Amino acid sequence: MNFILKFIISKKVHTRSRLRVFRPNKFFFKRAIKSFICYFAMFLSYNILSVLIKNKKIFECVVMLELIRRLKKSFKKMTTFALRFGTLPSKE
């Protein structure tokens, strides 16, 4: 779990001009785990894509690229939500 926290914090997303204190809540952990799974799936997809390119499977490469594009979008959304709604605004 500690690794997942460090991973998400390293992928910080700018929130709307408010500094936030990092105090994770239950919502953050749910989104963080989903985000990590999504990132791992992207990693596996890139490995599969490299094998498909070596074997010259064009149609499968196109399908895999579309999957990777959707995973990237989903990963960005999960990370943003985890950081925006899973932390508390700083007291200024």
PDB file of N, CA and C in Angstrom:
ATOM      1  N   MET A   1       0.830  -1.193   0.000  1.00  0.00           N
ATOM      2  CA  MET A   1       0.000   0.000   0.000  1.00  0.00           C
ATOM      3  C   MET A   1       0.874   1.256   0.000  1.00  0.00           C
ATOM      4  N   ASN A   2       1.985   1.212   0.720  1.00  0.00           N
ATOM      5  CA  ASN A   2       2.890   2.354   0.779  1.00  0.00           C
ATOM      6  C   ASN A   2       3.442   2.682  -0.610  1.00  0.00           C
ATOM      7  N   PHE A   3       3.741   1.637  -1.385  1.00  0.00           N
ATOM      8  CA  PHE A   3       4.246   1.829  -2.743  1.00  0.00           C
ATOM      9  C   PHE A   3       3.203   2.549  -3.602  1.00  0.00           C
ATOM     10  N   ILE A   4       1.936   2.151  -3.474  1.00  0.00           N
ATOM     11  CA  ILE A   4       0.867   2.769  -4.256  1.00  0.00           C
ATOM     12  C   ILE A   4       0.739   4.244  -3.897  1.00  0.00           C
ATOM     13  N   LEU A   5       0.839   4.573  -2.606  1.00  0.00           N
ATOM     14  CA  LEU A   5       0.763   5.974  -2.176  1.00  0.00           C
ATOM     15  C   LEU A   5       1.883   6.800  -2.792  1.00  0.00           C
ATOM     16  N   LYS A   6       3.112   6.290  -2.719  1.00  0.00           N
ATOM     17  CA  LYS A   6       4.253   7.014  -3.288  1.00  0.00           C
ATOM     18  C   LYS A   6       4.084   7.195  -4.789  1.00  0.00           C
ATOM     19  N   PHE A   7       3.551   6.153  -5.434  1.00  0.00           N
ATOM     20  CA  PHE A   7       3.336   6.196  -6.877  1.00  0.00           C
ATOM     21  C   PHE A   7       2.346   7.300  -7.246  1.00  0.00           C
ATOM     22  N   ILE A   8       1.219   7.368  -6.546  1.00  0.00           N
ATOM     23  CA  ILE A   8       0.193   8.366  -6.853  1.00  0.00           C
ATOM     24  C   ILE A   8       0.703   9.770  -6.551  1.00  0.00           C
ATOM     25  N   ILE A   9       1.408   9.938  -5.442  1.00  0.00           N
ATOM     26  CA  ILE A   9       1.926  11.258  -5.088  1.00  0.00           C
ATOM     27  C   ILE A   9       2.929  11.728  -6.136  1.00  0.00           C
ATOM     28  N   SER A  10       3.704  10.793  -6.697  1.00  0.00           N
ATOM     29  CA  SER A  10       4.686  11.170  -7.711  1.00  0.00           C
ATOM     30  C   SER A  10       4.010  11.610  -9.015  1.00  0.00           C
ATOM     31  N   LYS A  11       2.752  11.221  -9.220  1.00  0.00           N
ATOM     32  CA  LYS A  11       2.006  11.582 -10.424  1.00  0.00           C
ATOM     33  C   LYS A  11       1.045  12.733 -10.140  1.00  0.00           C
ATOM     34  N   LYS A  12       1.489  13.697  -9.344  1.00  0.00           N
ATOM     35  CA  LYS A  12       0.608  14.787  -8.906  1.00  0.00           C
ATOM     36  C   LYS A  12      -0.029  15.516 -10.081  1.00  0.00           C
ATOM     37  N   VAL A  13      -1.268  15.922  -9.861  1.00  0.00           N
ATOM     38  CA  VAL A  13      -2.011  16.691 -10.852  1.00  0.00           C
ATOM     39  C   VAL A  13      -2.334  18.034 -10.219  1.00  0.00           C
ATOM     40  N   HIS A  14      -2.197  19.114 -10.979  1.00  0.00           N
ATOM     41  CA  HIS A  14      -2.483  20.435 -10.430  1.00  0.00           C
ATOM     42  C   HIS A  14      -3.971  20.570 -10.160  1.00  0.00           C
ATOM     43  N   THR A  15      -4.308  20.996  -8.964  1.00  0.00           N
ATOM     44  CA  THR A  15      -5.708  21.253  -8.646  1.00  0.00           C
ATOM     45  C   THR A  15      -5.985  22.724  -8.881  1.00  0.00           C
ATOM     46  N   ARG A  16      -7.220  23.092  -8.884  1.00  0.00           N
ATOM     47  CA  ARG A  16      -7.630  24.445  -9.268  1.00  0.00           C
ATOM     48  C   ARG A  16      -7.133  25.504  -8.303  1.00  0.00           C
ATOM     49  N   SER A  17      -5.961  25.964  -8.503  1.00  0.00           N
ATOM     50  CA  SER A  17      -5.325  27.089  -7.801  1.00  0.00           C
ATOM     51  C   SER A  17      -5.497  27.068  -6.282  1.00  0.00           C
ATOM     52  N   ARG A  18      -5.676  25.895  -5.708  1.00  0.00           N
ATOM     53  CA  ARG A  18      -5.728  25.792  -4.247  1.00  0.00           C
ATOM     54  C   ARG A  18      -4.666  24.789  -3.815  1.00  0.00           C
ATOM     55  N   LEU A  19      -3.882  25.184  -2.865  1.00  0.00           N
ATOM     56  CA  LEU A  19      -2.909  24.249  -2.324  1.00  0.00           C
ATOM     57  C   LEU A  19      -3.652  23.267  -1.435  1.00  0.00           C
ATOM     58  N   ARG A  20      -3.229  22.029  -1.450  1.00  0.00           N
ATOM     59  CA  ARG A  20      -3.911  21.024  -0.644  1.00  0.00           C
ATOM     60  C   ARG A  20      -2.924  20.319   0.268  1.00  0.00           C
ATOM     61  N   VAL A  21      -3.391  20.038   1.460  1.00  0.00           N
ATOM     62  CA  VAL A  21      -2.594  19.268   2.404  1.00  0.00           C
ATOM     63  C   VAL A  21      -2.872  17.807   2.106  1.00  0.00           C
ATOM     64  N   PHE A  22      -1.825  17.017   2.020  1.00  0.00           N
ATOM     65  CA  PHE A  22      -2.038  15.613   1.681  1.00  0.00           C
ATOM     66  C   PHE A  22      -2.414  14.827   2.929  1.00  0.00           C
ATOM     67  N   ARG A  23      -3.719  14.636   3.122  1.00  0.00           N
ATOM     68  CA  ARG A  23      -4.244  13.778   4.185  1.00  0.00           C
ATOM     69  C   ARG A  23      -5.229  12.822   3.529  1.00  0.00           C
ATOM     70  N   PRO A  24      -4.770  11.665   3.126  1.00  0.00           N
ATOM     71  CA  PRO A  24      -5.637  10.764   2.362  1.00  0.00           C
ATOM     72  C   PRO A  24      -6.829  10.273   3.175  1.00  0.00           C
ATOM     73  N   ASN A  25      -7.975  10.156   2.521  1.00  0.00           N
ATOM     74  CA  ASN A  25      -9.158   9.576   3.142  1.00  0.00           C
ATOM     75  C   ASN A  25      -9.517   8.276   2.418  1.00  0.00           C
ATOM     76  N   LYS A  26     -10.648   7.680   2.793  1.00  0.00           N
ATOM     77  CA  LYS A  26     -11.045   6.396   2.218  1.00  0.00           C
ATOM     78  C   LYS A  26     -11.240   6.505   0.704  1.00  0.00           C
ATOM     79  N   PHE A  27     -11.799   7.613   0.253  1.00  0.00           N
ATOM     80  CA  PHE A  27     -12.026   7.832  -1.171  1.00  0.00           C
ATOM     81  C   PHE A  27     -10.702   7.809  -1.935  1.00  0.00           C
ATOM     82  N   PHE A  28      -9.676   8.424  -1.359  1.00  0.00           N
ATOM     83  CA  PHE A  28      -8.368   8.467  -2.013  1.00  0.00           C
ATOM     84  C   PHE A  28      -7.826   7.058  -2.237  1.00  0.00           C
ATOM     85  N   PHE A  29      -7.930   6.204  -1.215  1.00  0.00           N
ATOM     86  CA  PHE A  29      -7.368   4.862  -1.342  1.00  0.00           C
ATOM     87  C   PHE A  29      -8.074   4.053  -2.421  1.00  0.00           C
ATOM     88  N   LYS A  30      -9.399   4.195  -2.523  1.00  0.00           N
ATOM     89  CA  LYS A  30     -10.128   3.473  -3.574  1.00  0.00           C
ATOM     90  C   LYS A  30      -9.655   3.921  -4.952  1.00  0.00           C
ATOM     91  N   ARG A  31      -9.578   5.222  -5.154  1.00  0.00           N
ATOM     92  CA  ARG A  31      -9.144   5.746  -6.450  1.00  0.00           C
ATOM     93  C   ARG A  31      -7.673   5.437  -6.715  1.00  0.00           C
ATOM     94  N   ALA A  32      -6.866   5.474  -5.680  1.00  0.00           N
ATOM     95  CA  ALA A  32      -5.435   5.200  -5.853  1.00  0.00           C
ATOM     96  C   ALA A  32      -5.217   3.771  -6.324  1.00  0.00           C
ATOM     97  N   ILE A  33      -5.952   2.837  -5.758  1.00  0.00           N
ATOM     98  CA  ILE A  33      -5.803   1.438  -6.162  1.00  0.00           C
ATOM     99  C   ILE A  33      -6.281   1.257  -7.602  1.00  0.00           C
ATOM    100  N   LYS A  34      -7.408   1.875  -7.958  1.00  0.00           N
ATOM    101  CA  LYS A  34      -7.895   1.790  -9.342  1.00  0.00           C
ATOM    102  C   LYS A  34      -6.884   2.407 -10.305  1.00  0.00           C
ATOM    103  N   SER A  35      -6.299   3.513  -9.918  1.00  0.00           N
ATOM    104  CA  SER A  35      -5.319   4.187 -10.757  1.00  0.00           C
ATOM    105  C   SER A  35      -4.078   3.318 -10.953  1.00  0.00           C
ATOM    106  N   PHE A  36      -3.639   2.681  -9.880  1.00  0.00           N
ATOM    107  CA  PHE A  36      -2.464   1.813  -9.965  1.00  0.00           C
ATOM    108  C   PHE A  36      -2.733   0.616 -10.873  1.00  0.00           C
ATOM    109  N   ILE A  37      -3.923   0.022 -10.757  1.00  0.00           N
ATOM    110  CA  ILE A  37      -4.288  -1.110 -11.613  1.00  0.00           C
ATOM    111  C   ILE A  37      -4.303  -0.674 -13.076  1.00  0.00           C
ATOM    112  N   CYS A  38      -4.832   0.505 -13.329  1.00  0.00           N
ATOM    113  CA  CYS A  38      -4.893   1.050 -14.682  1.00  0.00           C
ATOM    114  C   CYS A  38      -3.478   1.259 -15.236  1.00  0.00           C
ATOM    115  N   TYR A  39      -2.577   1.785 -14.411  1.00  0.00           N
ATOM    116  CA  TYR A  39      -1.196   2.005 -14.835  1.00  0.00           C
ATOM    117  C   TYR A  39      -0.511   0.673 -15.148  1.00  0.00           C
ATOM    118  N   PHE A  40      -0.749  -0.336 -14.322  1.00  0.00           N
ATOM    119  CA  PHE A  40      -0.162  -1.656 -14.536  1.00  0.00           C
ATOM    120  C   PHE A  40      -0.692  -2.268 -15.836  1.00  0.00           C
ATOM    121  N   ALA A  41      -1.986  -2.082 -16.109  1.00  0.00           N
ATOM    122  CA  ALA A  41      -2.568  -2.581 -17.356  1.00  0.00           C
ATOM    123  C   ALA A  41      -1.931  -1.891 -18.562  1.00  0.00           C
ATOM    124  N   MET A  42      -1.649  -0.583 -18.440  1.00  0.00           N
ATOM    125  CA  MET A  42      -0.968   0.134 -19.525  1.00  0.00           C
ATOM    126  C   MET A  42       0.420  -0.451 -19.765  1.00  0.00           C
ATOM    127  N   PHE A  43       1.128  -0.748 -18.682  1.00  0.00           N
ATOM    128  CA  PHE A  43       2.465  -1.329 -18.790  1.00  0.00           C
ATOM    129  C   PHE A  43       2.410  -2.662 -19.538  1.00  0.00           C
ATOM    130  N   LEU A  44       1.453  -3.519 -19.160  1.00  0.00           N
ATOM    131  CA  LEU A  44       1.308  -4.810 -19.843  1.00  0.00           C
ATOM    132  C   LEU A  44       0.922  -4.615 -21.309  1.00  0.00           C
ATOM    133  N   SER A  45       0.073  -3.634 -21.579  1.00  0.00           N
ATOM    134  CA  SER A  45      -0.363  -3.380 -22.957  1.00  0.00           C
ATOM    135  C   SER A  45       0.804  -2.967 -23.844  1.00  0.00           C
ATOM    136  N   TYR A  46       1.703  -2.144 -23.308  1.00  0.00           N
ATOM    137  CA  TYR A  46       2.879  -1.745 -24.088  1.00  0.00           C
ATOM    138  C   TYR A  46       3.765  -2.951 -24.399  1.00  0.00           C
ATOM    139  N   ASN A  47       3.900  -3.857 -23.441  1.00  0.00           N
ATOM    140  CA  ASN A  47       4.703  -5.060 -23.692  1.00  0.00           C
ATOM    141  C   ASN A  47       4.063  -5.933 -24.764  1.00  0.00           C
ATOM    142  N   ILE A  48       2.742  -6.105 -24.684  1.00  0.00           N
ATOM    143  CA  ILE A  48       2.035  -6.901 -25.691  1.00  0.00           C
ATOM    144  C   ILE A  48       2.149  -6.233 -27.057  1.00  0.00           C
ATOM    145  N   LEU A  49       2.047  -4.906 -27.082  1.00  0.00           N
ATOM    146  CA  LEU A  49       2.148  -4.168 -28.341  1.00  0.00           C
ATOM    147  C   LEU A  49       3.511  -4.375 -28.996  1.00  0.00           C
ATOM    148  N   SER A  50       4.570  -4.374 -28.203  1.00  0.00           N
ATOM    149  CA  SER A  50       5.905  -4.575 -28.782  1.00  0.00           C
ATOM    150  C   SER A  50       6.035  -5.964 -29.408  1.00  0.00           C
ATOM    151  N   VAL A  51       5.410  -6.966 -28.786  1.00  0.00           N
ATOM    152  CA  VAL A  51       5.437  -8.322 -29.357  1.00  0.00           C
ATOM    153  C   VAL A  51       4.638  -8.358 -30.662  1.00  0.00           C
ATOM    154  N   LEU A  52       3.490  -7.694 -30.679  1.00  0.00           N
ATOM    155  CA  LEU A  52       2.668  -7.665 -31.895  1.00  0.00           C
ATOM    156  C   LEU A  52       3.398  -6.974 -33.044  1.00  0.00           C
ATOM    157  N   ILE A  53       4.122  -5.910 -32.732  1.00  0.00           N
ATOM    158  CA  ILE A  53       4.871  -5.196 -33.774  1.00  0.00           C
ATOM    159  C   ILE A  53       5.967  -6.092 -34.345  1.00  0.00           C
ATOM    160  N   LYS A  54       6.638  -6.829 -33.468  1.00  0.00           N
ATOM    161  CA  LYS A  54       7.687  -7.744 -33.945  1.00  0.00           C
ATOM    162  C   LYS A  54       7.109  -8.814 -34.867  1.00  0.00           C
ATOM    163  N   ASN A  55       5.887  -9.270 -34.564  1.00  0.00           N
ATOM    164  CA  ASN A  55       5.255 -10.322 -35.372  1.00  0.00           C
ATOM    165  C   ASN A  55       4.439  -9.770 -36.544  1.00  0.00           C
ATOM    166  N   LYS A  56       4.476  -8.443 -36.727  1.00  0.00           N
ATOM    167  CA  LYS A  56       3.809  -7.764 -37.849  1.00  0.00           C
ATOM    168  C   LYS A  56       2.312  -8.052 -37.913  1.00  0.00           C
ATOM    169  N   LYS A  57       1.656  -7.975 -36.764  1.00  0.00           N
ATOM    170  CA  LYS A  57       0.195  -8.145 -36.687  1.00  0.00           C
ATOM    171  C   LYS A  57      -0.427  -6.745 -36.663  1.00  0.00           C
ATOM    172  N   ILE A  58      -0.773  -6.226 -37.823  1.00  0.00           N
ATOM    173  CA  ILE A  58      -1.206  -4.831 -37.956  1.00  0.00           C
ATOM    174  C   ILE A  58      -2.546  -4.573 -37.266  1.00  0.00           C
ATOM    175  N   PHE A  59      -3.556  -5.397 -37.542  1.00  0.00           N
ATOM    176  CA  PHE A  59      -4.881  -5.159 -36.963  1.00  0.00           C
ATOM    177  C   PHE A  59      -4.836  -5.206 -35.442  1.00  0.00           C
ATOM    178  N   GLU A  60      -4.126  -6.187 -34.890  1.00  0.00           N
ATOM    179  CA  GLU A  60      -4.018  -6.311 -33.440  1.00  0.00           C
ATOM    180  C   GLU A  60      -3.295  -5.109 -32.833  1.00  0.00           C
ATOM    181  N   CYS A  61      -2.316  -4.563 -33.565  1.00  0.00           N
ATOM    182  CA  CYS A  61      -1.596  -3.372 -33.094  1.00  0.00           C
ATOM    183  C   CYS A  61      -2.539  -2.177 -32.986  1.00  0.00           C
ATOM    184  N   VAL A  62      -3.410  -2.016 -33.971  1.00  0.00           N
ATOM    185  CA  VAL A  62      -4.358  -0.900 -33.958  1.00  0.00           C
ATOM    186  C   VAL A  62      -5.309  -1.035 -32.774  1.00  0.00           C
ATOM    187  N   VAL A  63      -5.794  -2.250 -32.537  1.00  0.00           N
ATOM    188  CA  VAL A  63      -6.696  -2.492 -31.406  1.00  0.00           C
ATOM    189  C   VAL A  63      -5.976  -2.211 -30.090  1.00  0.00           C
ATOM    190  N   MET A  64      -4.734  -2.645 -29.978  1.00  0.00           N
ATOM    191  CA  MET A  64      -3.971  -2.445 -28.742  1.00  0.00           C
ATOM    192  C   MET A  64      -3.678  -0.960 -28.514  1.00  0.00           C
ATOM    193  N   LEU A  65      -3.394  -0.219 -29.577  1.00  0.00           N
ATOM    194  CA  LEU A  65      -3.168   1.225 -29.435  1.00  0.00           C
ATOM    195  C   LEU A  65      -4.420   1.940 -28.927  1.00  0.00           C
ATOM    196  N   GLU A  66      -5.586   1.516 -29.405  1.00  0.00           N
ATOM    197  CA  GLU A  66      -6.845   2.104 -28.924  1.00  0.00           C
ATOM    198  C   GLU A  66      -7.054   1.780 -27.445  1.00  0.00           C
ATOM    199  N   LEU A  67      -6.736   0.558 -27.055  1.00  0.00           N
ATOM    200  CA  LEU A  67      -6.848   0.164 -25.644  1.00  0.00           C
ATOM    201  C   LEU A  67      -5.917   1.007 -24.775  1.00  0.00           C
ATOM    202  N   ILE A  68      -4.691   1.204 -25.226  1.00  0.00           N
ATOM    203  CA  ILE A  68      -3.722   2.007 -24.470  1.00  0.00           C
ATOM    204  C   ILE A  68      -4.204   3.452 -24.357  1.00  0.00           C
ATOM    205  N   ARG A  69      -4.762   3.997 -25.437  1.00  0.00           N
ATOM    206  CA  ARG A  69      -5.278   5.369 -25.403  1.00  0.00           C
ATOM    207  C   ARG A  69      -6.381   5.515 -24.350  1.00  0.00           C
ATOM    208  N   ARG A  70      -7.275   4.541 -24.295  1.00  0.00           N
ATOM    209  CA  ARG A  70      -8.362   4.591 -23.304  1.00  0.00           C
ATOM    210  C   ARG A  70      -7.839   4.401 -21.889  1.00  0.00           C
ATOM    211  N   LEU A  71      -6.849   3.528 -21.730  1.00  0.00           N
ATOM    212  CA  LEU A  71      -6.264   3.325 -20.402  1.00  0.00           C
ATOM    213  C   LEU A  71      -5.582   4.595 -19.908  1.00  0.00           C
ATOM    214  N   LYS A  72      -4.890   5.305 -20.811  1.00  0.00           N
ATOM    215  CA  LYS A  72      -4.233   6.558 -20.422  1.00  0.00           C
ATOM    216  C   LYS A  72      -5.251   7.583 -19.940  1.00  0.00           C
ATOM    217  N   LYS A  73      -6.351   7.693 -20.676  1.00  0.00           N
ATOM    218  CA  LYS A  73      -7.398   8.648 -20.308  1.00  0.00           C
ATOM    219  C   LYS A  73      -7.995   8.275 -18.946  1.00  0.00           C
ATOM    220  N   SER A  74      -8.244   6.990 -18.749  1.00  0.00           N
ATOM    221  CA  SER A  74      -8.812   6.516 -17.487  1.00  0.00           C
ATOM    222  C   SER A  74      -7.836   6.728 -16.332  1.00  0.00           C
ATOM    223  N   PHE A  75      -6.547   6.474 -16.581  1.00  0.00           N
ATOM    224  CA  PHE A  75      -5.529   6.660 -15.543  1.00  0.00           C
ATOM    225  C   PHE A  75      -5.459   8.123 -15.117  1.00  0.00           C
ATOM    226  N   LYS A  76      -5.489   9.017 -16.088  1.00  0.00           N
ATOM    227  CA  LYS A  76      -5.417  10.448 -15.775  1.00  0.00           C
ATOM    228  C   LYS A  76      -6.627  10.879 -14.946  1.00  0.00           C
ATOM    229  N   LYS A  77      -7.805  10.376 -15.327  1.00  0.00           N
ATOM    230  CA  LYS A  77      -9.028  10.731 -14.609  1.00  0.00           C
ATOM    231  C   LYS A  77      -8.993  10.202 -13.175  1.00  0.00           C
ATOM    232  N   MET A  78      -8.577   8.949 -12.992  1.00  0.00           N
ATOM    233  CA  MET A  78      -8.519   8.357 -11.651  1.00  0.00           C
ATOM    234  C   MET A  78      -7.524   9.111 -10.771  1.00  0.00           C
ATOM    235  N   THR A  79      -6.368   9.442 -11.319  1.00  0.00           N
ATOM    236  CA  THR A  79      -5.347  10.149 -10.547  1.00  0.00           C
ATOM    237  C   THR A  79      -5.838  11.535 -10.147  1.00  0.00           C
ATOM    238  N   THR A  80      -6.477  12.230 -11.079  1.00  0.00           N
ATOM    239  CA  THR A  80      -7.004  13.563 -10.786  1.00  0.00           C
ATOM    240  C   THR A  80      -8.052  13.503  -9.690  1.00  0.00           C
ATOM    241  N   PHE A  81      -8.990  12.567  -9.805  1.00  0.00           N
ATOM    242  CA  PHE A  81     -10.041  12.442  -8.794  1.00  0.00           C
ATOM    243  C   PHE A  81      -9.463  12.070  -7.442  1.00  0.00           C
ATOM    244  N   ALA A  82      -8.487  11.164  -7.436  1.00  0.00           N
ATOM    245  CA  ALA A  82      -7.897  10.743  -6.161  1.00  0.00           C
ATOM    246  C   ALA A  82      -7.233  11.916  -5.461  1.00  0.00           C
ATOM    247  N   LEU A  83      -6.521  12.740  -6.213  1.00  0.00           N
ATOM    248  CA  LEU A  83      -5.828  13.869  -5.592  1.00  0.00           C
ATOM    249  C   LEU A  83      -6.767  15.024  -5.265  1.00  0.00           C
ATOM    250  N   ARG A  84      -7.770  15.246  -6.097  1.00  0.00           N
ATOM    251  CA  ARG A  84      -8.659  16.384  -5.869  1.00  0.00           C
ATOM    252  C   ARG A  84      -9.650  16.123  -4.738  1.00  0.00           C
ATOM    253  N   PHE A  85     -10.281  14.946  -4.741  1.00  0.00           N
ATOM    254  CA  PHE A  85     -11.335  14.678  -3.768  1.00  0.00           C
ATOM    255  C   PHE A  85     -10.854  13.849  -2.586  1.00  0.00           C
ATOM    256  N   GLY A  86      -9.643  13.341  -2.672  1.00  0.00           N
ATOM    257  CA  GLY A  86      -9.130  12.501  -1.598  1.00  0.00           C
ATOM    258  C   GLY A  86      -8.224  13.234  -0.638  1.00  0.00           C
ATOM    259  N   THR A  87      -8.085  14.543  -0.806  1.00  0.00           N
ATOM    260  CA  THR A  87      -7.234  15.329   0.083  1.00  0.00           C
ATOM    261  C   THR A  87      -8.008  16.536   0.588  1.00  0.00           C
ATOM    262  N   LEU A  88      -7.506  17.160   1.607  1.00  0.00           N
ATOM    263  CA  LEU A  88      -8.185  18.304   2.212  1.00  0.00           C
ATOM    264  C   LEU A  88      -7.522  19.608   1.781  1.00  0.00           C
ATOM    265  N   PRO A  89      -8.309  20.677   1.589  1.00  0.00           N
ATOM    266  CA  PRO A  89      -7.708  21.975   1.245  1.00  0.00           C
ATOM    267  C   PRO A  89      -6.828  22.484   2.385  1.00  0.00           C
ATOM    268  N   SER A  90      -5.759  23.172   2.042  1.00  0.00           N
ATOM    269  CA  SER A  90      -4.882  23.701   3.091  1.00  0.00           C
ATOM    270  C   SER A  90      -5.533  24.910   3.747  1.00  0.00           C
ATOM    271  N   LYS A  91      -5.193  25.131   4.988  1.00  0.00           N
ATOM    272  CA  LYS A  91      -5.731  26.276   5.733  1.00  0.00           C
ATOM    273  C   LYS A  91      -4.769  27.435   5.560  1.00  0.00           C
ATOM    274  N   GLU A  92      -5.243  28.513   4.982  1.00  0.00           N
ATOM    275  CA  GLU A  92      -4.370  29.667   4.732  1.00  0.00           C
ATOM    276  C   GLU A  92      -4.776  30.828   5.590  1.00  0.00           C
TER     277      GLU A  92
END
